[in-house]
C-alpha atoms as a PDB file:
ATOM      1  CA  UNK A   1       0.074  -0.075  -0.237  1.00  0.00           C
ATOM      2  CA  UNK A   2       1.496   3.070  -1.022  1.00  0.00           C
ATOM      3  CA  UNK A   3       1.618   5.777   1.653  1.00  0.00           C
ATOM      4  CA  UNK A   4       2.913   9.003   1.842  1.00  0.00           C
ATOM      5  CA  UNK A   5       3.114  11.068   5.423  1.00  0.00           C
ATOM      6  CA  UNK A   6       4.329  14.494   5.816  1.00  0.00           C
ATOM      7  CA  UNK A   7       5.878  15.487   8.630  1.00  0.00           C
ATOM      8  CA  UNK A   8       4.590  18.631  10.877  1.00  0.00           C
ATOM      9  CA  UNK A   9       4.502  21.764   9.462  1.00  0.00           C
ATOM     10  CA  UNK A  10       4.218  24.701  12.111  1.00  0.00           C
ATOM     11  CA  UNK A  11       4.377  28.567  12.788  1.00  0.00           C
ATOM     12  CA  UNK A  12       7.363  29.980  11.316  1.00  0.00           C
ATOM     13  CA  UNK A  13       8.093  33.622  11.390  1.00  0.00           C
ATOM     14  CA  UNK A  14       8.209  35.845   8.174  1.00  0.00           C
ATOM     15  CA  UNK A  15      12.230  35.424   7.162  1.00  0.00           C
ATOM     16  CA  UNK A  16      12.301  32.262   8.574  1.00  0.00           C
ATOM     17  CA  UNK A  17      13.377  28.871   7.656  1.00  0.00           C
ATOM     18  CA  UNK A  18      11.940  24.919   7.627  1.00  0.00           C
ATOM     19  CA  UNK A  19      12.100  21.634   6.349  1.00  0.00           C
ATOM     20  CA  UNK A  20       9.545  19.214   5.751  1.00  0.00           C
ATOM     21  CA  UNK A  21      10.197  15.919   5.084  1.00  0.00           C
ATOM     22  CA  UNK A  22       7.600  13.166   3.306  1.00  0.00           C
ATOM     23  CA  UNK A  23       8.164   9.664   4.063  1.00  0.00           C
ATOM     24  CA  UNK A  24       7.411   7.669   1.818  1.00  0.00           C
ATOM     25  CA  UNK A  25       6.334   3.334   1.495  1.00  0.00           C
ATOM     26  CA  UNK A  26       4.558   1.004  -0.293  1.00  0.00           C
ATOM     27  CA  UNK A  27       6.416   1.410  -3.673  1.00  0.00           C
ATOM     28  CA  UNK A  28      10.412   2.105  -4.489  1.00  0.00           C
ATOM     29  CA  UNK A  29      11.188   5.473  -4.770  1.00  0.00           C
ATOM     30  CA  UNK A  30      14.204   5.295  -6.784  1.00  0.00           C
ATOM     31  CA  UNK A  31      11.980   4.617  -9.767  1.00  0.00           C
ATOM     32  CA  UNK A  32       9.595   7.550  -9.501  1.00  0.00           C
ATOM     33  CA  UNK A  33       9.863  10.882  -8.963  1.00  0.00           C
ATOM     34  CA  UNK A  34       7.749  13.075  -6.438  1.00  0.00           C
ATOM     35  CA  UNK A  35       6.324  16.858  -5.735  1.00  0.00           C
ATOM     36  CA  UNK A  36       5.425  19.167  -3.549  1.00  0.00           C
ATOM     37  CA  UNK A  37       2.342  20.984  -4.008  1.00  0.00           C
ATOM     38  CA  UNK A  38       0.258  23.828  -1.757  1.00  0.00           C
ATOM     39  CA  UNK A  39      -2.822  25.240  -1.351  1.00  0.00           C
ATOM     40  CA  UNK A  40      -3.773  28.174   0.394  1.00  0.00           C
ATOM     41  CA  UNK A  41      -6.889  29.379   1.747  1.00  0.00           C
ATOM     42  CA  UNK A  42      -9.408  29.948  -0.848  1.00  0.00           C
ATOM     43  CA  UNK A  43      -7.349  29.459  -3.520  1.00  0.00           C
ATOM     44  CA  UNK A  44      -5.881  26.788  -6.202  1.00  0.00           C
ATOM     45  CA  UNK A  45      -3.632  23.763  -5.132  1.00  0.00           C
ATOM     46  CA  UNK A  46      -0.081  24.545  -6.954  1.00  0.00           C
ATOM     47  CA  UNK A  47       3.177  23.146  -7.769  1.00  0.00           C
ATOM     48  CA  UNK A  48       5.566  23.967  -5.410  1.00  0.00           C
ATOM     49  CA  UNK A  49       9.351  21.768  -6.497  1.00  0.00           C
ATOM     50  CA  UNK A  50       9.767  18.338  -8.245  1.00  0.00           C
ATOM     51  CA  UNK A  51      12.977  16.310  -8.255  1.00  0.00           C
ATOM     52  CA  UNK A  52      13.069  13.571 -11.003  1.00  0.00           C
ATOM     53  CA  UNK A  53      14.329  10.057 -10.788  1.00  0.00           C
ATOM     54  CA  UNK A  54      17.466   8.851 -11.784  1.00  0.00           C
ATOM     55  CA  UNK A  55      19.704  12.050 -11.975  1.00  0.00           C
ATOM     56  CA  UNK A  56      17.758  14.177  -9.489  1.00  0.00           C
ATOM     57  CA  UNK A  57      16.795  17.122 -11.717  1.00  0.00           C
ATOM     58  CA  UNK A  58      14.694  19.689  -9.614  1.00  0.00           C
ATOM     59  CA  UNK A  59      12.075  22.162 -10.619  1.00  0.00           C
ATOM     60  CA  UNK A  60      10.301  25.330  -8.921  1.00  0.00           C
ATOM     61  CA  UNK A  61       7.508  27.367  -9.312  1.00  0.00           C
ATOM     62  CA  UNK A  62       8.071  30.925 -10.139  1.00  0.00           C
ATOM     63  CA  UNK A  63       6.930  31.804  -6.602  1.00  0.00           C
ATOM     64  CA  UNK A  64       9.586  29.900  -4.772  1.00  0.00           C
ATOM     65  CA  UNK A  65      12.283  29.686  -6.618  1.00  0.00           C
ATOM     66  CA  UNK A  66      15.511  30.622  -4.900  1.00  0.00           C
ATOM     67  CA  UNK A  67      14.373  30.095  -1.793  1.00  0.00           C
ATOM     68  CA  UNK A  68      13.201  26.627  -1.497  1.00  0.00           C
ATOM     69  CA  UNK A  69      15.361  23.409  -2.177  1.00  0.00           C
ATOM     70  CA  UNK A  70      13.810  20.036  -2.970  1.00  0.00           C
ATOM     71  CA  UNK A  71      16.070  16.499  -2.454  1.00  0.00           C
ATOM     72  CA  UNK A  72      16.081  13.460  -1.919  1.00  0.00           C
ATOM     73  CA  UNK A  73      16.728  10.358   0.016  1.00  0.00           C
ATOM     74  CA  UNK A  74      16.427   7.531  -1.750  1.00  0.00           C
ATOM     75  CA  UNK A  75      18.299   4.938   0.874  1.00  0.00           C
ATOM     76  CA  UNK A  76      15.425   6.516   3.283  1.00  0.00           C
ATOM     77  CA  UNK A  77      12.702   6.752   1.013  1.00  0.00           C
ATOM     78  CA  UNK A  78      12.189  10.126   1.901  1.00  0.00           C
ATOM     79  CA  UNK A  79      12.246  13.456  -0.075  1.00  0.00           C
ATOM     80  CA  UNK A  80      12.649  17.195   1.570  1.00  0.00           C
ATOM     81  CA  UNK A  81      11.844  20.741   0.846  1.00  0.00           C
ATOM     82  CA  UNK A  82      13.699  22.857   2.743  1.00  0.00           C
ATOM     83  CA  UNK A  83      12.025  26.196   2.894  1.00  0.00           C
ATOM     84  CA  UNK A  84      13.953  29.694   3.084  1.00  0.00           C
ATOM     85  CA  UNK A  85      13.410  33.225   3.875  1.00  0.00           C
ATOM     86  CA  UNK A  86       9.756  32.312   4.218  1.00  0.00           C
ATOM     87  CA  UNK A  87       6.650  35.066   3.397  1.00  0.00           C
ATOM     88  CA  UNK A  88       3.324  35.299   4.901  1.00  0.00           C
ATOM     89  CA  UNK A  89       2.460  34.191   0.810  1.00  0.00           C
ATOM     90  CA  UNK A  90       3.761  30.573   1.461  1.00  0.00           C
ATOM     91  CA  UNK A  91       1.043  29.721   4.347  1.00  0.00           C
ATOM     92  CA  UNK A  92      -0.393  27.330   2.690  1.00  0.00           C
ATOM     93  CA  UNK A  93      -1.155  23.049   3.492  1.00  0.00           C
ATOM     94  CA  UNK A  94       1.927  21.516   1.629  1.00  0.00           C
ATOM     95  CA  UNK A  95       0.996  17.837   0.561  1.00  0.00           C
ATOM     96  CA  UNK A  96       3.524  15.845  -1.760  1.00  0.00           C
ATOM     97  CA  UNK A  97       2.602  13.570  -4.289  1.00  0.00           C
ATOM     98  CA  UNK A  98       4.410  10.556  -6.079  1.00  0.00           C
ATOM     99  CA  UNK A  99       4.324  11.387 -10.009  1.00  0.00           C
ATOM    100  CA  UNK A 100       2.521   9.539 -12.401  1.00  0.00           C
ATOM    101  CA  UNK A 101       0.182   8.176  -9.663  1.00  0.00           C
ATOM    102  CA  UNK A 102      -2.529   9.550  -7.830  1.00  0.00           C
ATOM    103  CA  UNK A 103      -1.123   9.221  -4.161  1.00  0.00           C
ATOM    104  CA  UNK A 104      -1.321  12.211  -1.737  1.00  0.00           C
ATOM    105  CA  UNK A 105      -0.155  12.781   1.306  1.00  0.00           C
ATOM    106  CA  UNK A 106      -2.490  14.559   3.991  1.00  0.00           C
ATOM    107  CA  UNK A 107      -1.092  17.413   4.133  1.00  0.00           C
ATOM    108  CA  UNK A 108       0.808  19.867   6.944  1.00  0.00           C
ATOM    109  CA  UNK A 109       0.125  23.479   7.349  1.00  0.00           C
ATOM    110  CA  UNK A 110       2.539  26.076   7.493  1.00  0.00           C
ATOM    111  CA  UNK A 111       1.727  29.489   8.944  1.00  0.00           C
ATOM    112  CA  UNK A 112       4.167  31.895   8.391  1.00  0.00           C
ATOM    113  CA  UNK A 113       3.648  34.897  10.525  1.00  0.00           C
ATOM    114  CA  UNK A 114       4.389  37.364  12.788  1.00  0.00           C
END
């Protein structure tokens, strides 16, 4: 059974940093890309970042480029999202998803506020 479990988010001050993790099970992470998405209150879900299989190429949404970094550790079956210089606009529920499969984590709330 495919499972994706995001780490707990939390409250972060503007300008701060937070690292999210997505622990996976039930499939071979090495064979799939994985992405992070987010959904802010009253807005549609948007793609944040993704990392491919193989060489691990990365792609970022324009709003997070230069501030967020996605990485993967296949041995630990985990994908990470390092978020730096956080802004209030980054407040959202963050989800991880397996590329090519309709499996999502339950999401974790990140609240950027002073």
